[in-house]
Amino acid sequence: MPAKHALFNTIALVVRQNTAGIEAPVRSLLAFLKEGGHSVVLEAETAAHLGMADLPAMTPDQIGQHASAAIVMGGDGTMLGLARQLAPYDVPLIGINQGRLGFMTDIALEGMLPVLAQMLAGSYQAERRTLLEGSVRRDGKEIHVGLAVNDVVVSRGAGAGMAELRVDVDGHFMYNQRSDGLIISTPTGSTAYALSAGGPLLHPTLGGIVLVPIAPHALSNRPIVLPDSSAIQIEIVRGRDITVNFDMQTFASLQAQDRIVIKRSPHAITFLHPEGWSYYNTLREKLHWNEYPSGDGKLV
């Protein structure tokens, strides 16, 4: 019986639900990990939907306490959900892409085993990513808290008029903004909603927080990058059906004078990438910077 690997004794596996044809790759991965001497646990929902009762099942909190790494088979949404839950435990994450974009799940399903063999033997690149934490305060009391890997978004409801938001940074008034909302993004989230709203790309190692207005009334309201030491306060001045969401996890029913206070979280997440991984390669591939129109007008 092979000895357990010194670097990653216990590995947790998380698989996106309702993925057609995933059972065969999962069983192949499990056999590979067991043969390599790793103890394997399944995230509880993964165990339930795959019907694998022969392996230990753990909640994310239990994974944080016992696992030395977690492998995520899914898309960036699956990775985001787990990353938020494991952030306090500093468990490194490895992503196998079963989604579409895959900015954070960067290992292709095809050929994953040779890549994982090298990584689990210690040949990998580790990358730390910052998170944001936020709280909603009403009449001086905290009524909701959230954590975000990508972004915190304050936005108006569908069919509602513009929202008016007051923004203060480190106790200094920045502006009153009339818009459809405001995105407060980490460098990781700068390739997500913030990018589609006209925000800049931030390299993941930058210590910055980007504020991106959503369809601002005044064209002079532009994105701005703040130090990640900043404390940002957003007050709801007026507007109907205003919501705030943390990586798409929504808290609704905000009222006038509610305040959302956002700052960098003391926790960070670690992604493990294959040797030779490059952020710029990822941008070229995912944002199609390497595509040129062919003679028939199609991208190549």
C-alpha atoms as a PDB file:
ATOM      1  CA  MET A   1       0.000   0.000   0.000  1.00  0.00           C
ATOM      2  CA  PRO A   2       1.565   3.340  -1.023  1.00  0.00           C
ATOM      3  CA  ALA A   3       2.561   5.833   1.655  1.00  0.00           C
ATOM      4  CA  LYS A   4       0.593   9.011   2.090  1.00  0.00           C
ATOM      5  CA  HIS A   5       2.032  12.037   0.367  1.00  0.00           C
ATOM      6  CA  ALA A   6       3.808  14.405   2.747  1.00  0.00           C
ATOM      7  CA  LEU A   7       2.578  17.587   1.065  1.00  0.00           C
ATOM      8  CA  PHE A   8      -1.120  16.802   0.721  1.00  0.00           C
ATOM      9  CA  ASN A   9      -2.164  14.020   3.049  1.00  0.00           C
ATOM     10  CA  THR A  10      -5.914  14.675   2.902  1.00  0.00           C
ATOM     11  CA  ILE A  11      -7.550  16.066  -0.218  1.00  0.00           C
ATOM     12  CA  ALA A  12     -11.150  17.231  -0.390  1.00  0.00           C
ATOM     13  CA  LEU A  13     -13.071  16.928  -3.643  1.00  0.00           C
ATOM     14  CA  VAL A  14     -15.876  19.300  -4.587  1.00  0.00           C
ATOM     15  CA  VAL A  15     -17.871  18.701  -7.785  1.00  0.00           C
ATOM     16  CA  ARG A  16     -20.422  21.010  -9.375  1.00  0.00           C
ATOM     17  CA  GLN A  17     -23.879  19.519  -9.225  1.00  0.00           C
ATOM     18  CA  ASN A  18     -25.916  18.449 -12.250  1.00  0.00           C
ATOM     19  CA  THR A  19     -22.926  18.104 -14.562  1.00  0.00           C
ATOM     20  CA  ALA A  20     -23.684  15.521 -17.231  1.00  0.00           C
ATOM     21  CA  GLY A  21     -21.127  12.744 -17.620  1.00  0.00           C
ATOM     22  CA  ILE A  22     -19.046  13.790 -14.623  1.00  0.00           C
ATOM     23  CA  GLU A  23     -19.177  10.441 -12.815  1.00  0.00           C
ATOM     24  CA  ALA A  24     -16.491   8.752 -14.948  1.00  0.00           C
ATOM     25  CA  PRO A  25     -13.912  11.582 -14.575  1.00  0.00           C
ATOM     26  CA  VAL A  26     -14.644  11.736 -10.839  1.00  0.00           C
ATOM     27  CA  ARG A  27     -14.043   8.009 -10.377  1.00  0.00           C
ATOM     28  CA  SER A  28     -10.871   8.245 -12.447  1.00  0.00           C
ATOM     29  CA  LEU A  29      -9.654  11.105 -10.254  1.00  0.00           C
ATOM     30  CA  LEU A  30     -10.531   9.250  -7.049  1.00  0.00           C
ATOM     31  CA  ALA A  31      -8.630   6.154  -8.181  1.00  0.00           C
ATOM     32  CA  PHE A  32      -5.632   8.317  -9.087  1.00  0.00           C
ATOM     33  CA  LEU A  33      -5.617  10.028  -5.679  1.00  0.00           C
ATOM     34  CA  LYS A  34      -5.969   6.785  -3.759  1.00  0.00           C
ATOM     35  CA  GLU A  35      -3.188   5.181  -5.788  1.00  0.00           C
ATOM     36  CA  GLY A  36      -1.006   8.163  -4.914  1.00  0.00           C
ATOM     37  CA  GLY A  37      -1.539   7.510  -1.213  1.00  0.00           C
ATOM     38  CA  HIS A  38      -3.808  10.471  -0.511  1.00  0.00           C
ATOM     39  CA  SER A  39      -6.764  10.271   1.845  1.00  0.00           C
ATOM     40  CA  VAL A  40      -9.825  11.619   0.040  1.00  0.00           C
ATOM     41  CA  VAL A  41     -12.945  13.207   1.502  1.00  0.00           C
ATOM     42  CA  LEU A  42     -15.965  14.493  -0.376  1.00  0.00           C
ATOM     43  CA  GLU A  43     -17.749  17.733   0.283  1.00  0.00           C
ATOM     44  CA  ALA A  44     -21.134  16.740   1.732  1.00  0.00           C
ATOM     45  CA  GLU A  45     -23.296  17.968  -1.163  1.00  0.00           C
ATOM     46  CA  THR A  46     -20.913  16.363  -3.650  1.00  0.00           C
ATOM     47  CA  ALA A  47     -21.209  13.022  -1.845  1.00  0.00           C
ATOM     48  CA  ALA A  48     -25.005  13.299  -1.828  1.00  0.00           C
ATOM     49  CA  HIS A  49     -25.519  14.123  -5.493  1.00  0.00           C
ATOM     50  CA  LEU A  50     -22.940  11.594  -6.709  1.00  0.00           C
ATOM     51  CA  GLY A  51     -24.298   8.903  -4.398  1.00  0.00           C
ATOM     52  CA  MET A  52     -20.837   7.934  -3.175  1.00  0.00           C
ATOM     53  CA  ALA A  53     -21.328   6.641   0.346  1.00  0.00           C
ATOM     54  CA  ASP A  54     -18.011   4.784   0.455  1.00  0.00           C
ATOM     55  CA  LEU A  55     -15.969   7.934   1.145  1.00  0.00           C
ATOM     56  CA  PRO A  56     -16.100  10.284   4.154  1.00  0.00           C
ATOM     57  CA  ALA A  57     -18.326  13.325   3.601  1.00  0.00           C
ATOM     58  CA  MET A  58     -17.527  16.646   5.241  1.00  0.00           C
ATOM     59  CA  THR A  59     -19.018  20.110   5.464  1.00  0.00           C
ATOM     60  CA  PRO A  60     -16.829  23.000   4.249  1.00  0.00           C
ATOM     61  CA  ASP A  61     -15.985  23.840   7.873  1.00  0.00           C
ATOM     62  CA  GLN A  62     -14.843  20.267   8.477  1.00  0.00           C
ATOM     63  CA  ILE A  63     -12.848  20.340   5.242  1.00  0.00           C
ATOM     64  CA  GLY A  64     -11.157  23.500   6.476  1.00  0.00           C
ATOM     65  CA  GLN A  65     -10.141  21.767   9.672  1.00  0.00           C
ATOM     66  CA  HIS A  66      -8.924  18.484   8.173  1.00  0.00           C
ATOM     67  CA  ALA A  67      -7.920  18.859   4.515  1.00  0.00           C
ATOM     68  CA  SER A  68      -4.504  19.970   3.286  1.00  0.00           C
ATOM     69  CA  ALA A  69      -5.893  20.897  -0.162  1.00  0.00           C
ATOM     70  CA  ALA A  70      -9.190  20.957  -2.037  1.00  0.00           C
ATOM     71  CA  ILE A  71      -9.787  20.075  -5.679  1.00  0.00           C
ATOM     72  CA  VAL A  72     -12.776  21.754  -7.317  1.00  0.00           C
ATOM     73  CA  MET A  73     -14.304  20.245 -10.457  1.00  0.00           C
ATOM     74  CA  GLY A  74     -16.635  22.865 -11.852  1.00  0.00           C
ATOM     75  CA  GLY A  75     -16.668  26.453 -13.001  1.00  0.00           C
ATOM     76  CA  ASP A  76     -15.678  29.699 -11.355  1.00  0.00           C
ATOM     77  CA  GLY A  77     -19.036  29.855  -9.546  1.00  0.00           C
ATOM     78  CA  THR A  78     -18.333  26.569  -7.784  1.00  0.00           C
ATOM     79  CA  MET A  79     -14.844  27.789  -6.890  1.00  0.00           C
ATOM     80  CA  LEU A  80     -16.174  31.107  -5.571  1.00  0.00           C
ATOM     81  CA  GLY A  81     -18.638  29.403  -3.267  1.00  0.00           C
ATOM     82  CA  LEU A  82     -16.022  27.107  -1.766  1.00  0.00           C
ATOM     83  CA  ALA A  83     -13.334  29.783  -1.564  1.00  0.00           C
ATOM     84  CA  ARG A  84     -15.535  32.010   0.600  1.00  0.00           C
ATOM     85  CA  GLN A  85     -16.232  29.147   2.988  1.00  0.00           C
ATOM     86  CA  LEU A  86     -12.632  27.951   3.226  1.00  0.00           C
ATOM     87  CA  ALA A  87     -10.993  31.385   3.410  1.00  0.00           C
ATOM     88  CA  PRO A  88     -10.684  31.352   7.239  1.00  0.00           C
ATOM     89  CA  TYR A  89      -8.806  28.032   7.065  1.00  0.00           C
ATOM     90  CA  ASP A  90      -6.242  28.866   4.366  1.00  0.00           C
ATOM     91  CA  VAL A  91      -6.744  25.571   2.503  1.00  0.00           C
ATOM     92  CA  PRO A  92      -5.145  25.814  -0.977  1.00  0.00           C
ATOM     93  CA  LEU A  93      -7.488  25.292  -3.919  1.00  0.00           C
ATOM     94  CA  ILE A  94      -6.911  23.497  -7.222  1.00  0.00           C
ATOM     95  CA  GLY A  95      -9.434  24.074 -10.009  1.00  0.00           C
ATOM     96  CA  ILE A  96     -10.411  21.655 -12.795  1.00  0.00           C
ATOM     97  CA  ASN A  97     -12.548  23.444 -15.338  1.00  0.00           C
ATOM     98  CA  GLN A  98     -16.061  22.119 -15.937  1.00  0.00           C
ATOM     99  CA  GLY A  99     -17.501  25.551 -16.669  1.00  0.00           C
ATOM    100  CA  ARG A 100     -17.172  28.025 -19.494  1.00  0.00           C
ATOM    101  CA  LEU A 101     -14.681  30.805 -18.683  1.00  0.00           C
ATOM    102  CA  GLY A 102     -12.574  29.219 -15.974  1.00  0.00           C
ATOM    103  CA  PHE A 103     -10.480  32.143 -14.721  1.00  0.00           C
ATOM    104  CA  MET A 104     -10.033  30.316 -11.404  1.00  0.00           C
ATOM    105  CA  THR A 105     -10.530  26.723 -12.523  1.00  0.00           C
ATOM    106  CA  ASP A 106      -7.662  26.567 -14.964  1.00  0.00           C
ATOM    107  CA  ILE A 107      -6.822  22.860 -15.422  1.00  0.00           C
ATOM    108  CA  ALA A 108      -8.526  21.219 -18.401  1.00  0.00           C
ATOM    109  CA  LEU A 109     -10.531  18.084 -17.612  1.00  0.00           C
ATOM    110  CA  GLU A 110      -8.819  16.302 -20.480  1.00  0.00           C
ATOM    111  CA  GLY A 111      -5.305  15.440 -19.376  1.00  0.00           C
ATOM    112  CA  MET A 112      -5.891  16.493 -15.760  1.00  0.00           C
ATOM    113  CA  LEU A 113      -4.180  13.468 -14.179  1.00  0.00           C
ATOM    114  CA  PRO A 114      -0.617  14.097 -15.429  1.00  0.00           C
ATOM    115  CA  VAL A 115      -0.937  17.760 -14.429  1.00  0.00           C
ATOM    116  CA  LEU A 116      -2.226  16.857 -10.960  1.00  0.00           C
ATOM    117  CA  ALA A 117       0.533  14.277 -10.532  1.00  0.00           C
ATOM    118  CA  GLN A 118       3.155  16.997 -10.944  1.00  0.00           C
ATOM    119  CA  MET A 119       1.323  19.455  -8.709  1.00  0.00           C
ATOM    120  CA  LEU A 120       0.715  17.002  -5.884  1.00  0.00           C
ATOM    121  CA  ALA A 121       4.404  16.081  -6.043  1.00  0.00           C
ATOM    122  CA  GLY A 122       5.218  19.707  -5.268  1.00  0.00           C
ATOM    123  CA  SER A 123       5.645  21.204  -8.745  1.00  0.00           C
ATOM    124  CA  TYR A 124       3.144  24.074  -8.746  1.00  0.00           C
ATOM    125  CA  GLN A 125       2.792  27.849  -8.494  1.00  0.00           C
ATOM    126  CA  ALA A 126       0.951  29.239  -5.469  1.00  0.00           C
ATOM    127  CA  GLU A 127      -0.962  32.495  -5.790  1.00  0.00           C
ATOM    128  CA  ARG A 128      -2.617  34.463  -2.988  1.00  0.00           C
ATOM    129  CA  ARG A 129      -5.827  36.411  -3.615  1.00  0.00           C
ATOM    130  CA  THR A 130      -7.448  39.009  -1.371  1.00  0.00           C
ATOM    131  CA  LEU A 131     -11.137  39.086  -0.400  1.00  0.00           C
ATOM    132  CA  LEU A 132     -13.558  41.799   0.644  1.00  0.00           C
ATOM    133  CA  GLU A 133     -15.791  41.739   3.686  1.00  0.00           C
ATOM    134  CA  GLY A 134     -18.835  43.928   4.109  1.00  0.00           C
ATOM    135  CA  SER A 135     -21.555  44.663   6.589  1.00  0.00           C
ATOM    136  CA  VAL A 136     -24.971  46.262   6.210  1.00  0.00           C
ATOM    137  CA  ARG A 137     -25.810  48.671   9.032  1.00  0.00           C
ATOM    138  CA  ARG A 138     -29.193  50.121   9.878  1.00  0.00           C
ATOM    139  CA  ASP A 139     -29.713  52.627  12.680  1.00  0.00           C
ATOM    140  CA  GLY A 140     -26.205  51.872  13.901  1.00  0.00           C
ATOM    141  CA  LYS A 141     -26.805  48.100  14.104  1.00  0.00           C
ATOM    142  CA  GLU A 142     -25.227  45.428  11.929  1.00  0.00           C
ATOM    143  CA  ILE A 143     -27.991  43.487  10.158  1.00  0.00           C
ATOM    144  CA  HIS A 144     -26.038  41.494   7.573  1.00  0.00           C
ATOM    145  CA  VAL A 145     -22.427  40.497   6.830  1.00  0.00           C
ATOM    146  CA  GLY A 146     -20.874  39.006   3.725  1.00  0.00           C
ATOM    147  CA  LEU A 147     -17.593  37.936   2.157  1.00  0.00           C
ATOM    148  CA  ALA A 148     -16.634  38.332  -1.507  1.00  0.00           C
ATOM    149  CA  VAL A 149     -13.857  36.916  -3.661  1.00  0.00           C
ATOM    150  CA  ASN A 150     -14.984  38.859  -6.741  1.00  0.00           C
ATOM    151  CA  ASP A 151     -17.132  41.811  -5.785  1.00  0.00           C
ATOM    152  CA  VAL A 152     -19.743  43.531  -3.694  1.00  0.00           C
ATOM    153  CA  VAL A 153     -22.497  45.068  -5.840  1.00  0.00           C
ATOM    154  CA  VAL A 154     -25.066  47.641  -4.751  1.00  0.00           C
ATOM    155  CA  SER A 155     -27.782  47.971  -7.389  1.00  0.00           C
ATOM    156  CA  ARG A 156     -31.322  49.127  -8.063  1.00  0.00           C
ATOM    157  CA  GLY A 157     -34.184  46.748  -8.681  1.00  0.00           C
ATOM    158  CA  ALA A 158     -35.501  45.915 -12.143  1.00  0.00           C
ATOM    159  CA  GLY A 159     -37.950  48.565 -13.249  1.00  0.00           C
ATOM    160  CA  ALA A 160     -36.923  50.956 -10.470  1.00  0.00           C
ATOM    161  CA  GLY A 161     -35.475  54.404 -11.109  1.00  0.00           C
ATOM    162  CA  MET A 162     -31.870  55.358 -10.519  1.00  0.00           C
ATOM    163  CA  ALA A 163     -30.288  54.843  -7.125  1.00  0.00           C
ATOM    164  CA  GLU A 164     -28.562  57.711  -5.355  1.00  0.00           C
ATOM    165  CA  LEU A 165     -25.575  56.587  -3.327  1.00  0.00           C
ATOM    166  CA  ARG A 166     -23.227  58.556  -1.083  1.00  0.00           C
ATOM    167  CA  VAL A 167     -19.694  57.177  -1.051  1.00  0.00           C
ATOM    168  CA  ASP A 168     -17.143  57.915   1.666  1.00  0.00           C
ATOM    169  CA  VAL A 169     -13.588  56.526   1.773  1.00  0.00           C
ATOM    170  CA  ASP A 170     -11.630  56.477   5.038  1.00  0.00           C
ATOM    171  CA  GLY A 171     -14.063  58.976   6.485  1.00  0.00           C
ATOM    172  CA  HIS A 172     -13.676  61.398   3.568  1.00  0.00           C
ATOM    173  CA  PHE A 173     -16.648  62.243   1.339  1.00  0.00           C
ATOM    174  CA  MET A 174     -16.005  61.129  -2.247  1.00  0.00           C
ATOM    175  CA  TYR A 175     -19.257  61.799  -4.111  1.00  0.00           C
ATOM    176  CA  ASN A 176     -23.007  61.395  -4.367  1.00  0.00           C
ATOM    177  CA  GLN A 177     -23.658  59.194  -7.360  1.00  0.00           C
ATOM    178  CA  ARG A 178     -26.860  58.663  -9.326  1.00  0.00           C
ATOM    179  CA  SER A 179     -26.620  55.415 -11.282  1.00  0.00           C
ATOM    180  CA  ASP A 180     -27.943  51.895 -11.650  1.00  0.00           C
ATOM    181  CA  GLY A 181     -25.507  50.868  -8.931  1.00  0.00           C
ATOM    182  CA  LEU A 182     -21.891  50.519  -7.889  1.00  0.00           C
ATOM    183  CA  ILE A 183     -19.436  47.591  -8.101  1.00  0.00           C
ATOM    184  CA  ILE A 184     -16.729  47.297  -5.474  1.00  0.00           C
ATOM    185  CA  SER A 185     -14.275  44.732  -6.801  1.00  0.00           C
ATOM    186  CA  THR A 186     -11.124  42.872  -5.815  1.00  0.00           C
ATOM    187  CA  PRO A 187      -8.364  42.407  -8.403  1.00  0.00           C
ATOM    188  CA  THR A 188      -9.767  38.886  -8.907  1.00  0.00           C
ATOM    189  CA  GLY A 189     -13.196  40.344  -9.667  1.00  0.00           C
ATOM    190  CA  SER A 190     -11.802  42.874 -12.135  1.00  0.00           C
ATOM    191  CA  THR A 191     -12.285  40.269 -14.901  1.00  0.00           C
ATOM    192  CA  ALA A 192     -15.931  39.692 -13.910  1.00  0.00           C
ATOM    193  CA  TYR A 193     -18.884  42.121 -13.654  1.00  0.00           C
ATOM    194  CA  ALA A 194     -16.562  45.104 -13.152  1.00  0.00           C
ATOM    195  CA  LEU A 195     -14.976  44.485 -16.548  1.00  0.00           C
ATOM    196  CA  SER A 196     -18.331  44.357 -18.328  1.00  0.00           C
ATOM    197  CA  ALA A 197     -19.264  47.681 -16.697  1.00  0.00           C
ATOM    198  CA  GLY A 198     -16.137  49.362 -18.077  1.00  0.00           C
ATOM    199  CA  GLY A 199     -13.732  48.841 -15.190  1.00  0.00           C
ATOM    200  CA  PRO A 200      -9.977  48.269 -15.516  1.00  0.00           C
ATOM    201  CA  LEU A 201      -8.163  44.966 -15.272  1.00  0.00           C
ATOM    202  CA  LEU A 202      -6.133  44.682 -12.069  1.00  0.00           C
ATOM    203  CA  HIS A 203      -3.315  42.188 -11.782  1.00  0.00           C
ATOM    204  CA  PRO A 204      -4.140  39.775  -8.917  1.00  0.00           C
ATOM    205  CA  THR A 205      -1.023  40.745  -6.959  1.00  0.00           C
ATOM    206  CA  LEU A 206      -1.999  44.418  -6.816  1.00  0.00           C
ATOM    207  CA  GLY A 207      -3.189  45.746  -3.466  1.00  0.00           C
ATOM    208  CA  GLY A 208      -6.207  47.566  -4.829  1.00  0.00           C
ATOM    209  CA  ILE A 209      -9.992  47.849  -4.668  1.00  0.00           C
ATOM    210  CA  VAL A 210     -11.771  49.138  -7.760  1.00  0.00           C
ATOM    211  CA  LEU A 211     -15.042  51.099  -7.696  1.00  0.00           C
ATOM    212  CA  VAL A 212     -16.996  50.900 -10.949  1.00  0.00           C
ATOM    213  CA  PRO A 213     -20.287  52.820 -11.415  1.00  0.00           C
ATOM    214  CA  ILE A 214     -23.048  50.970 -13.272  1.00  0.00           C
ATOM    215  CA  ALA A 215     -24.561  53.225 -15.960  1.00  0.00           C
ATOM    216  CA  PRO A 216     -23.897  56.490 -14.080  1.00  0.00           C
ATOM    217  CA  HIS A 217     -26.090  59.515 -14.795  1.00  0.00           C
ATOM    218  CA  ALA A 218     -23.027  61.767 -14.985  1.00  0.00           C
ATOM    219  CA  LEU A 219     -20.471  60.656 -17.540  1.00  0.00           C
ATOM    220  CA  SER A 220     -17.761  62.131 -15.319  1.00  0.00           C
ATOM    221  CA  ASN A 221     -18.338  59.319 -12.801  1.00  0.00           C
ATOM    222  CA  ARG A 222     -15.482  57.025 -13.791  1.00  0.00           C
ATOM    223  CA  PRO A 223     -13.959  53.888 -12.263  1.00  0.00           C
ATOM    224  CA  ILE A 224     -11.325  54.502  -9.596  1.00  0.00           C
ATOM    225  CA  VAL A 225      -8.774  52.197  -7.981  1.00  0.00           C
ATOM    226  CA  LEU A 226      -8.272  52.662  -4.234  1.00  0.00           C
ATOM    227  CA  PRO A 227      -5.638  51.230  -1.884  1.00  0.00           C
ATOM    228  CA  ASP A 228      -6.811  47.956  -0.381  1.00  0.00           C
ATOM    229  CA  SER A 229      -6.296  49.496   3.060  1.00  0.00           C
ATOM    230  CA  SER A 230      -9.350  51.691   2.398  1.00  0.00           C
ATOM    231  CA  ALA A 231     -12.590  51.543   4.358  1.00  0.00           C
ATOM    232  CA  ILE A 232     -15.452  52.275   1.960  1.00  0.00           C
ATOM    233  CA  GLN A 233     -18.903  53.332   3.152  1.00  0.00           C
ATOM    234  CA  ILE A 234     -21.886  53.476   0.808  1.00  0.00           C
ATOM    235  CA  GLU A 235     -25.069  55.097   2.085  1.00  0.00           C
ATOM    236  CA  ILE A 236     -28.407  54.621   0.356  1.00  0.00           C
ATOM    237  CA  VAL A 237     -29.625  58.186  -0.142  1.00  0.00           C
ATOM    238  CA  ARG A 238     -32.697  57.277  -2.187  1.00  0.00           C
ATOM    239  CA  GLY A 239     -33.958  54.606  -4.536  1.00  0.00           C
ATOM    240  CA  ARG A 240     -36.391  51.682  -4.646  1.00  0.00           C
ATOM    241  CA  ASP A 241     -35.688  47.966  -4.402  1.00  0.00           C
ATOM    242  CA  ILE A 242     -31.993  48.464  -3.676  1.00  0.00           C
ATOM    243  CA  THR A 243     -30.011  45.269  -3.062  1.00  0.00           C
ATOM    244  CA  VAL A 244     -26.440  44.414  -2.146  1.00  0.00           C
ATOM    245  CA  ASN A 245     -24.846  41.149  -3.171  1.00  0.00           C
ATOM    246  CA  PHE A 246     -21.577  39.461  -2.290  1.00  0.00           C
ATOM    247  CA  ASP A 247     -20.403  37.305  -5.206  1.00  0.00           C
ATOM    248  CA  MET A 248     -24.058  37.087  -6.310  1.00  0.00           C
ATOM    249  CA  GLN A 249     -25.282  36.140  -2.817  1.00  0.00           C
ATOM    250  CA  THR A 250     -28.004  38.759  -2.378  1.00  0.00           C
ATOM    251  CA  PHE A 251     -29.267  40.673   0.601  1.00  0.00           C
ATOM    252  CA  ALA A 252     -32.369  42.618  -0.370  1.00  0.00           C
ATOM    253  CA  SER A 253     -34.721  45.137   1.233  1.00  0.00           C
ATOM    254  CA  LEU A 254     -32.226  47.936   1.739  1.00  0.00           C
ATOM    255  CA  GLN A 255     -33.729  51.179   2.954  1.00  0.00           C
ATOM    256  CA  ALA A 256     -32.764  54.847   2.739  1.00  0.00           C
ATOM    257  CA  GLN A 257     -29.956  55.668   5.188  1.00  0.00           C
ATOM    258  CA  ASP A 258     -28.770  52.048   5.310  1.00  0.00           C
ATOM    259  CA  ARG A 259     -24.986  51.902   5.078  1.00  0.00           C
ATOM    260  CA  ILE A 260     -22.745  49.245   3.571  1.00  0.00           C
ATOM    261  CA  VAL A 261     -19.216  49.253   4.970  1.00  0.00           C
ATOM    262  CA  ILE A 262     -16.624  47.393   2.891  1.00  0.00           C
ATOM    263  CA  LYS A 263     -12.955  46.669   3.526  1.00  0.00           C
ATOM    264  CA  ARG A 264     -10.334  44.072   2.743  1.00  0.00           C
ATOM    265  CA  SER A 265     -10.863  40.828   4.617  1.00  0.00           C
ATOM    266  CA  PRO A 266      -8.082  39.622   6.924  1.00  0.00           C
ATOM    267  CA  HIS A 267      -8.426  36.262   5.150  1.00  0.00           C
ATOM    268  CA  ALA A 268      -6.955  35.372   1.773  1.00  0.00           C
ATOM    269  CA  ILE A 269      -7.270  32.383  -0.532  1.00  0.00           C
ATOM    270  CA  THR A 270      -4.482  30.436  -2.194  1.00  0.00           C
ATOM    271  CA  PHE A 271      -4.848  29.022  -5.688  1.00  0.00           C
ATOM    272  CA  LEU A 272      -2.422  26.376  -6.869  1.00  0.00           C
ATOM    273  CA  HIS A 273      -1.577  26.448 -10.578  1.00  0.00           C
ATOM    274  CA  PRO A 274       0.516  24.115 -12.749  1.00  0.00           C
ATOM    275  CA  GLU A 275       4.147  25.057 -13.318  1.00  0.00           C
ATOM    276  CA  GLY A 276       4.399  27.468 -16.215  1.00  0.00           C
ATOM    277  CA  TRP A 277       0.992  29.016 -15.515  1.00  0.00           C
ATOM    278  CA  SER A 278       0.754  32.690 -16.478  1.00  0.00           C
ATOM    279  CA  TYR A 279      -1.950  35.236 -15.695  1.00  0.00           C
ATOM    280  CA  TYR A 280      -1.323  36.814 -19.093  1.00  0.00           C
ATOM    281  CA  ASN A 281      -1.870  33.499 -20.869  1.00  0.00           C
ATOM    282  CA  THR A 282      -5.181  33.233 -19.021  1.00  0.00           C
ATOM    283  CA  LEU A 283      -6.220  36.711 -20.154  1.00  0.00           C
ATOM    284  CA  ARG A 284      -5.314  35.984 -23.754  1.00  0.00           C
ATOM    285  CA  GLU A 285      -7.276  32.749 -23.751  1.00  0.00           C
ATOM    286  CA  LYS A 286     -10.351  33.818 -21.780  1.00  0.00           C
ATOM    287  CA  LEU A 287     -10.694  37.310 -23.257  1.00  0.00           C
ATOM    288  CA  HIS A 288      -9.847  36.089 -26.773  1.00  0.00           C
ATOM    289  CA  TRP A 289      -6.952  38.495 -27.212  1.00  0.00           C
ATOM    290  CA  ASN A 290      -5.357  35.929 -29.500  1.00  0.00           C
ATOM    291  CA  GLU A 291      -8.226  35.835 -31.987  1.00  0.00           C
ATOM    292  CA  TYR A 292      -8.196  37.524 -35.363  1.00  0.00           C
ATOM    293  CA  PRO A 293     -10.947  37.667 -37.973  1.00  0.00           C
ATOM    294  CA  SER A 294     -10.439  35.236 -40.833  1.00  0.00           C
ATOM    295  CA  GLY A 295     -11.365  35.940 -44.414  1.00  0.00           C
ATOM    296  CA  ASP A 296     -14.936  34.723 -43.853  1.00  0.00           C
ATOM    297  CA  GLY A 297     -15.389  37.010 -40.841  1.00  0.00           C
ATOM    298  CA  LYS A 298     -15.078  34.244 -38.267  1.00  0.00           C
ATOM    299  CA  LEU A 299     -12.678  34.489 -35.344  1.00  0.00           C
ATOM    300  CA  VAL A 300      -9.639  32.213 -35.426  1.00  0.00           C
END
